[in-house]
Amino acid sequence: MNLLATEDFEHKGKTVQITTSAEGNRFVVVAKLDGVQVSPQYSVDLTTHSDYFMQHKTSLIAHLKDIARSDIQDGMYYKA
């Protein structure tokens, strides 16, 4: 897995990491708590991401990170 970025946010007194990586021809976003994955993998393939960006000038990766963060904040995550 090729790590592209990690960003932290606080949720109920704990630090959650949203990580973005490249796996094959896909960008993958997951949420981790204490190094343990607590979300499903949210992903988009490179071609779809590129096409979407060309049409809308916004990143699908950013949307996936927003979804991962929102799911955690809404209580939809695996208990770590």
PDB file of N, CA and C in Angstrom:
ATOM      1  N   MET A   1       0.852  -1.161   0.000  1.00  0.00           N
ATOM      2  CA  MET A   1       0.000   0.000   0.000  1.00  0.00           C
ATOM      3  C   MET A   1       0.902   1.230   0.000  1.00  0.00           C
ATOM      4  N   ASN A   2       0.577   2.200  -0.803  1.00  0.00           N
ATOM      5  CA  ASN A   2       1.360   3.415  -0.942  1.00  0.00           C
ATOM      6  C   ASN A   2       0.626   4.550  -0.229  1.00  0.00           C
ATOM      7  N   LEU A   3       1.127   4.961   0.939  1.00  0.00           N
ATOM      8  CA  LEU A   3       0.449   5.977   1.736  1.00  0.00           C
ATOM      9  C   LEU A   3       0.638   7.346   1.114  1.00  0.00           C
ATOM     10  N   LEU A   4      -0.472   8.024   0.845  1.00  0.00           N
ATOM     11  CA  LEU A   4      -0.425   9.356   0.276  1.00  0.00           C
ATOM     12  C   LEU A   4      -0.592  10.418   1.345  1.00  0.00           C
ATOM     13  N   ALA A   5      -1.523  10.211   2.258  1.00  0.00           N
ATOM     14  CA  ALA A   5      -1.801  11.255   3.248  1.00  0.00           C
ATOM     15  C   ALA A   5      -2.526  10.674   4.453  1.00  0.00           C
ATOM     16  N   THR A   6      -2.318  11.325   5.586  1.00  0.00           N
ATOM     17  CA  THR A   6      -3.051  11.006   6.805  1.00  0.00           C
ATOM     18  C   THR A   6      -3.454  12.317   7.445  1.00  0.00           C
ATOM     19  N   GLU A   7      -4.705  12.394   7.865  1.00  0.00           N
ATOM     20  CA  GLU A   7      -5.138  13.564   8.615  1.00  0.00           C
ATOM     21  C   GLU A   7      -5.907  13.098   9.842  1.00  0.00           C
ATOM     22  N   ASP A   8      -5.699  13.792  10.943  1.00  0.00           N
ATOM     23  CA  ASP A   8      -6.315  13.434  12.211  1.00  0.00           C
ATOM     24  C   ASP A   8      -7.484  14.357  12.519  1.00  0.00           C
ATOM     25  N   PHE A   9      -8.454  13.809  13.254  1.00  0.00           N
ATOM     26  CA  PHE A   9      -9.498  14.642  13.825  1.00  0.00           C
ATOM     27  C   PHE A   9      -9.922  14.033  15.148  1.00  0.00           C
ATOM     28  N   GLU A  10     -10.450  14.848  16.009  1.00  0.00           N
ATOM     29  CA  GLU A  10     -10.877  14.409  17.330  1.00  0.00           C
ATOM     30  C   GLU A  10     -12.347  14.001  17.297  1.00  0.00           C
ATOM     31  N   HIS A  11     -12.643  12.866  17.951  1.00  0.00           N
ATOM     32  CA  HIS A  11     -14.021  12.403  18.068  1.00  0.00           C
ATOM     33  C   HIS A  11     -14.190  11.761  19.437  1.00  0.00           C
ATOM     34  N   LYS A  12     -15.036  12.324  20.249  1.00  0.00           N
ATOM     35  CA  LYS A  12     -15.314  11.819  21.596  1.00  0.00           C
ATOM     36  C   LYS A  12     -14.027  11.599  22.397  1.00  0.00           C
ATOM     37  N   GLY A  13     -13.121  12.576  22.302  1.00  0.00           N
ATOM     38  CA  GLY A  13     -11.890  12.525  23.070  1.00  0.00           C
ATOM     39  C   GLY A  13     -10.814  11.616  22.508  1.00  0.00           C
ATOM     40  N   LYS A  14     -11.046  11.020  21.341  1.00  0.00           N
ATOM     41  CA  LYS A  14     -10.052  10.136  20.731  1.00  0.00           C
ATOM     42  C   LYS A  14      -9.616  10.719  19.395  1.00  0.00           C
ATOM     43  N   THR A  15      -8.389  10.408  19.008  1.00  0.00           N
ATOM     44  CA  THR A  15      -7.869  10.868  17.726  1.00  0.00           C
ATOM     45  C   THR A  15      -8.107   9.787  16.681  1.00  0.00           C
ATOM     46  N   VAL A  16      -8.828  10.150  15.648  1.00  0.00           N
ATOM     47  CA  VAL A  16      -9.115   9.247  14.522  1.00  0.00           C
ATOM     48  C   VAL A  16      -8.266   9.702  13.340  1.00  0.00           C
ATOM     49  N   GLN A  17      -7.613   8.752  12.680  1.00  0.00           N
ATOM     50  CA  GLN A  17      -6.817   9.063  11.497  1.00  0.00           C
ATOM     51  C   GLN A  17      -7.599   8.674  10.248  1.00  0.00           C
ATOM     52  N   ILE A  18      -7.690   9.597   9.316  1.00  0.00           N
ATOM     53  CA  ILE A  18      -8.239   9.301   8.000  1.00  0.00           C
ATOM     54  C   ILE A  18      -7.039   9.148   7.081  1.00  0.00           C
ATOM     55  N   THR A  19      -6.852   7.951   6.545  1.00  0.00           N
ATOM     56  CA  THR A  19      -5.701   7.703   5.683  1.00  0.00           C
ATOM     57  C   THR A  19      -6.154   7.511   4.241  1.00  0.00           C
ATOM     58  N   THR A  20      -5.367   8.057   3.347  1.00  0.00           N
ATOM     59  CA  THR A  20      -5.600   7.906   1.916  1.00  0.00           C
ATOM     60  C   THR A  20      -4.388   7.204   1.330  1.00  0.00           C
ATOM     61  N   SER A  21      -4.630   6.177   0.550  1.00  0.00           N
ATOM     62  CA  SER A  21      -3.528   5.447  -0.072  1.00  0.00           C
ATOM     63  C   SER A  21      -3.902   5.067  -1.494  1.00  0.00           C
ATOM     64  N   ALA A  22      -2.890   4.673  -2.247  1.00  0.00           N
ATOM     65  CA  ALA A  22      -3.100   4.163  -3.598  1.00  0.00           C
ATOM     66  C   ALA A  22      -2.882   2.658  -3.557  1.00  0.00           C
ATOM     67  N   GLU A  23      -3.851   1.928  -4.039  1.00  0.00           N
ATOM     68  CA  GLU A  23      -3.747   0.464  -4.115  1.00  0.00           C
ATOM     69  C   GLU A  23      -4.070   0.057  -5.535  1.00  0.00           C
ATOM     70  N   GLY A  24      -3.051  -0.328  -6.270  1.00  0.00           N
ATOM     71  CA  GLY A  24      -3.261  -0.663  -7.675  1.00  0.00           C
ATOM     72  C   GLY A  24      -3.746   0.562  -8.418  1.00  0.00           C
ATOM     73  N   ASN A  25      -4.913   0.462  -9.042  1.00  0.00           N
ATOM     74  CA  ASN A  25      -5.450   1.592  -9.798  1.00  0.00           C
ATOM     75  C   ASN A  25      -6.564   2.315  -9.036  1.00  0.00           C
ATOM     76  N   ARG A  26      -6.537   2.224  -7.701  1.00  0.00           N
ATOM     77  CA  ARG A  26      -7.579   2.834  -6.878  1.00  0.00           C
ATOM     78  C   ARG A  26      -6.975   3.711  -5.784  1.00  0.00           C
ATOM     79  N   PHE A  27      -7.720   4.745  -5.419  1.00  0.00           N
ATOM     80  CA  PHE A  27      -7.444   5.504  -4.211  1.00  0.00           C
ATOM     81  C   PHE A  27      -8.348   4.933  -3.134  1.00  0.00           C
ATOM     82  N   VAL A  28      -7.791   4.668  -1.967  1.00  0.00           N
ATOM     83  CA  VAL A  28      -8.539   4.055  -0.873  1.00  0.00           C
ATOM     84  C   VAL A  28      -8.459   4.961   0.357  1.00  0.00           C
ATOM     85  N   VAL A  29      -9.604   5.183   0.990  1.00  0.00           N
ATOM     86  CA  VAL A  29      -9.695   5.989   2.202  1.00  0.00           C
ATOM     87  C   VAL A  29     -10.259   5.107   3.310  1.00  0.00           C
ATOM     88  N   VAL A  30      -9.605   5.120   4.484  1.00  0.00           N
ATOM     89  CA  VAL A  30     -10.108   4.396   5.653  1.00  0.00           C
ATOM     90  C   VAL A  30      -9.908   5.247   6.901  1.00  0.00           C
ATOM     91  N   ALA A  31     -10.705   4.961   7.906  1.00  0.00           N
ATOM     92  CA  ALA A  31     -10.556   5.596   9.213  1.00  0.00           C
ATOM     93  C   ALA A  31      -9.913   4.588  10.152  1.00  0.00           C
ATOM     94  N   LYS A  32      -8.959   5.083  10.965  1.00  0.00           N
ATOM     95  CA  LYS A  32      -8.267   4.226  11.922  1.00  0.00           C
ATOM     96  C   LYS A  32      -8.296   4.868  13.295  1.00  0.00           C
ATOM     97  N   LEU A  33      -8.419   4.019  14.289  1.00  0.00           N
ATOM     98  CA  LEU A  33      -8.372   4.451  15.685  1.00  0.00           C
ATOM     99  C   LEU A  33      -7.311   3.600  16.371  1.00  0.00           C
ATOM    100  N   ASP A  34      -6.305   4.232  16.919  1.00  0.00           N
ATOM    101  CA  ASP A  34      -5.182   3.526  17.540  1.00  0.00           C
ATOM    102  C   ASP A  34      -4.538   2.532  16.574  1.00  0.00           C
ATOM    103  N   GLY A  35      -4.467   2.917  15.294  1.00  0.00           N
ATOM    104  CA  GLY A  35      -3.831   2.080  14.283  1.00  0.00           C
ATOM    105  C   GLY A  35      -4.686   0.947  13.748  1.00  0.00           C
ATOM    106  N   VAL A  36      -5.916   0.814  14.253  1.00  0.00           N
ATOM    107  CA  VAL A  36      -6.821  -0.257  13.832  1.00  0.00           C
ATOM    108  C   VAL A  36      -7.902   0.331  12.932  1.00  0.00           C
ATOM    109  N   GLN A  37      -8.110  -0.292  11.772  1.00  0.00           N
ATOM    110  CA  GLN A  37      -9.144   0.183  10.852  1.00  0.00           C
ATOM    111  C   GLN A  37     -10.518   0.035  11.493  1.00  0.00           C
ATOM    112  N   VAL A  38     -11.286   1.138  11.512  1.00  0.00           N
ATOM    113  CA  VAL A  38     -12.615   1.122  12.133  1.00  0.00           C
ATOM    114  C   VAL A  38     -13.709   1.500  11.137  1.00  0.00           C
ATOM    115  N   SER A  39     -13.365   1.544   9.868  1.00  0.00           N
ATOM    116  CA  SER A  39     -14.346   1.876   8.834  1.00  0.00           C
ATOM    117  C   SER A  39     -14.200   0.916   7.670  1.00  0.00           C
ATOM    118  N   PRO A  40     -15.200   0.885   6.814  1.00  0.00           N
ATOM    119  CA  PRO A  40     -14.993   0.148   5.563  1.00  0.00           C
ATOM    120  C   PRO A  40     -13.987   0.912   4.706  1.00  0.00           C
ATOM    121  N   GLN A  41     -13.551   0.301   3.620  1.00  0.00           N
ATOM    122  CA  GLN A  41     -12.710   1.006   2.659  1.00  0.00           C
ATOM    123  C   GLN A  41     -13.616   1.770   1.712  1.00  0.00           C
ATOM    124  N   TYR A  42     -13.366   3.053   1.607  1.00  0.00           N
ATOM    125  CA  TYR A  42     -14.056   3.886   0.628  1.00  0.00           C
ATOM    126  C   TYR A  42     -13.057   4.056  -0.512  1.00  0.00           C
ATOM    127  N   SER A  43     -13.464   3.785  -1.760  1.00  0.00           N
ATOM    128  CA  SER A  43     -12.468   3.855  -2.831  1.00  0.00           C
ATOM    129  C   SER A  43     -13.064   4.361  -4.142  1.00  0.00           C
ATOM    130  N   VAL A  44     -12.147   4.817  -4.982  1.00  0.00           N
ATOM    131  CA  VAL A  44     -12.507   5.255  -6.325  1.00  0.00           C
ATOM    132  C   VAL A  44     -11.340   4.904  -7.241  1.00  0.00           C
ATOM    133  N   ASP A  45     -11.654   4.467  -8.456  1.00  0.00           N
ATOM    134  CA  ASP A  45     -10.555   4.144  -9.369  1.00  0.00           C
ATOM    135  C   ASP A  45     -10.005   5.428  -9.991  1.00  0.00           C
ATOM    136  N   LEU A  46      -8.770   5.353 -10.463  1.00  0.00           N
ATOM    137  CA  LEU A  46      -8.064   6.517 -10.976  1.00  0.00           C
ATOM    138  C   LEU A  46      -8.796   7.180 -12.137  1.00  0.00           C
ATOM    139  N   THR A  47      -9.341   6.386 -13.049  1.00  0.00           N
ATOM    140  CA  THR A  47     -10.021   6.940 -14.218  1.00  0.00           C
ATOM    141  C   THR A  47     -11.268   7.714 -13.808  1.00  0.00           C
ATOM    142  N   THR A  48     -12.069   7.133 -12.920  1.00  0.00           N
ATOM    143  CA  THR A  48     -13.284   7.814 -12.469  1.00  0.00           C
ATOM    144  C   THR A  48     -12.922   9.101 -11.741  1.00  0.00           C
ATOM    145  N   HIS A  49     -11.910   9.027 -10.870  1.00  0.00           N
ATOM    146  CA  HIS A  49     -11.486  10.230 -10.145  1.00  0.00           C
ATOM    147  C   HIS A  49     -11.050  11.316 -11.126  1.00  0.00           C
ATOM    148  N   SER A  50     -10.269  10.956 -12.098  1.00  0.00           N
ATOM    149  CA  SER A  50      -9.756  11.910 -13.082  1.00  0.00           C
ATOM    150  C   SER A  50     -10.889  12.528 -13.903  1.00  0.00           C
ATOM    151  N   ASP A  51     -11.802  11.681 -14.385  1.00  0.00           N
ATOM    152  CA  ASP A  51     -12.940  12.165 -15.169  1.00  0.00           C
ATOM    153  C   ASP A  51     -13.812  13.113 -14.349  1.00  0.00           C
ATOM    154  N   TYR A  52     -14.086  12.739 -13.116  1.00  0.00           N
ATOM    155  CA  TYR A  52     -14.919  13.562 -12.239  1.00  0.00           C
ATOM    156  C   TYR A  52     -14.254  14.915 -11.984  1.00  0.00           C
ATOM    157  N   PHE A  53     -12.937  14.887 -11.725  1.00  0.00           N
ATOM    158  CA  PHE A  53     -12.231  16.133 -11.471  1.00  0.00           C
ATOM    159  C   PHE A  53     -12.270  17.050 -12.695  1.00  0.00           C
ATOM    160  N   MET A  54     -12.103  16.488 -13.875  1.00  0.00           N
ATOM    161  CA  MET A  54     -12.124  17.294 -15.104  1.00  0.00           C
ATOM    162  C   MET A  54     -13.495  17.956 -15.305  1.00  0.00           C
ATOM    163  N   GLN A  55     -14.552  17.270 -14.933  1.00  0.00           N
ATOM    164  CA  GLN A  55     -15.903  17.811 -15.130  1.00  0.00           C
ATOM    165  C   GLN A  55     -16.325  18.766 -14.025  1.00  0.00           C
ATOM    166  N   HIS A  56     -15.946  18.474 -12.778  1.00  0.00           N
ATOM    167  CA  HIS A  56     -16.488  19.221 -11.630  1.00  0.00           C
ATOM    168  C   HIS A  56     -15.453  20.051 -10.875  1.00  0.00           C
ATOM    169  N   LYS A  57     -14.176  19.878 -11.213  1.00  0.00           N
ATOM    170  CA  LYS A  57     -13.081  20.615 -10.548  1.00  0.00           C
ATOM    171  C   LYS A  57     -13.091  20.422  -9.033  1.00  0.00           C
ATOM    172  N   THR A  58     -13.483  19.244  -8.608  1.00  0.00           N
ATOM    173  CA  THR A  58     -13.441  18.873  -7.194  1.00  0.00           C
ATOM    174  C   THR A  58     -12.994  17.416  -7.091  1.00  0.00           C
ATOM    175  N   SER A  59     -12.398  17.079  -5.975  1.00  0.00           N
ATOM    176  CA  SER A  59     -11.796  15.766  -5.788  1.00  0.00           C
ATOM    177  C   SER A  59     -12.776  14.766  -5.161  1.00  0.00           C
ATOM    178  N   LEU A  60     -12.899  13.610  -5.792  1.00  0.00           N
ATOM    179  CA  LEU A  60     -13.698  12.545  -5.180  1.00  0.00           C
ATOM    180  C   LEU A  60     -13.009  12.007  -3.928  1.00  0.00           C
ATOM    181  N   ILE A  61     -11.698  12.085  -3.869  1.00  0.00           N
ATOM    182  CA  ILE A  61     -10.986  11.654  -2.667  1.00  0.00           C
ATOM    183  C   ILE A  61     -11.417  12.511  -1.486  1.00  0.00           C
ATOM    184  N   ALA A  62     -11.524  13.804  -1.693  1.00  0.00           N
ATOM    185  CA  ALA A  62     -11.983  14.706  -0.628  1.00  0.00           C
ATOM    186  C   ALA A  62     -13.385  14.321  -0.177  1.00  0.00           C
ATOM    187  N   HIS A  63     -14.249  13.957  -1.123  1.00  0.00           N
ATOM    188  CA  HIS A  63     -15.603  13.524  -0.760  1.00  0.00           C
ATOM    189  C   HIS A  63     -15.563  12.232   0.055  1.00  0.00           C
ATOM    190  N   LEU A  64     -14.700  11.293  -0.337  1.00  0.00           N
ATOM    191  CA  LEU A  64     -14.586  10.035   0.410  1.00  0.00           C
ATOM    192  C   LEU A  64     -14.093  10.286   1.832  1.00  0.00           C
ATOM    193  N   LYS A  65     -13.137  11.207   1.990  1.00  0.00           N
ATOM    194  CA  LYS A  65     -12.661  11.550   3.336  1.00  0.00           C
ATOM    195  C   LYS A  65     -13.781  12.181   4.154  1.00  0.00           C
ATOM    196  N   ASP A  66     -14.581  13.025   3.527  1.00  0.00           N
ATOM    197  CA  ASP A  66     -15.725  13.626   4.225  1.00  0.00           C
ATOM    198  C   ASP A  66     -16.729  12.561   4.662  1.00  0.00           C
ATOM    199  N   ILE A  67     -16.974  11.573   3.806  1.00  0.00           N
ATOM    200  CA  ILE A  67     -17.903  10.488   4.140  1.00  0.00           C
ATOM    201  C   ILE A  67     -17.349   9.671   5.314  1.00  0.00           C
ATOM    202  N   ALA A  68     -16.064   9.341   5.264  1.00  0.00           N
ATOM    203  CA  ALA A  68     -15.443   8.566   6.349  1.00  0.00           C
ATOM    204  C   ALA A  68     -15.555   9.327   7.669  1.00  0.00           C
ATOM    205  N   ARG A  69     -15.247  10.607   7.644  1.00  0.00           N
ATOM    206  CA  ARG A  69     -15.321  11.439   8.858  1.00  0.00           C
ATOM    207  C   ARG A  69     -16.759  11.511   9.365  1.00  0.00           C
ATOM    208  N   SER A  70     -17.693  11.741   8.470  1.00  0.00           N
ATOM    209  CA  SER A  70     -19.109  11.838   8.831  1.00  0.00           C
ATOM    210  C   SER A  70     -19.626  10.526   9.416  1.00  0.00           C
ATOM    211  N   ASP A  71     -19.240   9.411   8.826  1.00  0.00           N
ATOM    212  CA  ASP A  71     -19.677   8.110   9.350  1.00  0.00           C
ATOM    213  C   ASP A  71     -19.179   7.903  10.779  1.00  0.00           C
ATOM    214  N   ILE A  72     -17.934   8.270  11.046  1.00  0.00           N
ATOM    215  CA  ILE A  72     -17.396   8.153  12.401  1.00  0.00           C
ATOM    216  C   ILE A  72     -18.193   9.045  13.351  1.00  0.00           C
ATOM    217  N   GLN A  73     -18.411  10.288  12.952  1.00  0.00           N
ATOM    218  CA  GLN A  73     -19.133  11.232  13.800  1.00  0.00           C
ATOM    219  C   GLN A  73     -20.579  10.801  14.036  1.00  0.00           C
ATOM    220  N   ASP A  74     -21.156  10.074  13.075  1.00  0.00           N
ATOM    221  CA  ASP A  74     -22.527   9.574  13.212  1.00  0.00           C
ATOM    222  C   ASP A  74     -22.592   8.240  13.945  1.00  0.00           C
ATOM    223  N   GLY A  75     -21.425   7.745  14.396  1.00  0.00           N
ATOM    224  CA  GLY A  75     -21.403   6.494  15.173  1.00  0.00           C
ATOM    225  C   GLY A  75     -21.386   5.232  14.340  1.00  0.00           C
ATOM    226  N   MET A  76     -21.155   5.361  13.042  1.00  0.00           N
ATOM    227  CA  MET A  76     -21.133   4.181  12.176  1.00  0.00           C
ATOM    228  C   MET A  76     -19.680   3.741  11.953  1.00  0.00           C
ATOM    229  N   TYR A  77     -19.165   2.992  12.922  1.00  0.00           N
ATOM    230  CA  TYR A  77     -17.808   2.480  12.791  1.00  0.00           C
ATOM    231  C   TYR A  77     -17.662   1.226  13.615  1.00  0.00           C
ATOM    232  N   TYR A  78     -16.615   0.471  13.295  1.00  0.00           N
ATOM    233  CA  TYR A  78     -16.323  -0.752  14.032  1.00  0.00           C
ATOM    234  C   TYR A  78     -15.717  -0.333  15.361  1.00  0.00           C
ATOM    235  N   LYS A  79     -16.072  -1.001  16.403  1.00  0.00           N
ATOM    236  CA  LYS A  79     -15.501  -0.703  17.720  1.00  0.00           C
ATOM    237  C   LYS A  79     -14.073  -1.236  17.785  1.00  0.00           C
ATOM    238  N   ALA A  80     -13.136  -0.366  18.137  1.00  0.00           N
ATOM    239  CA  ALA A  80     -11.729  -0.795  18.207  1.00  0.00           C
ATOM    240  C   ALA A  80     -11.342  -0.979  19.667  1.00  0.00           C
TER     241      ALA A  80
END
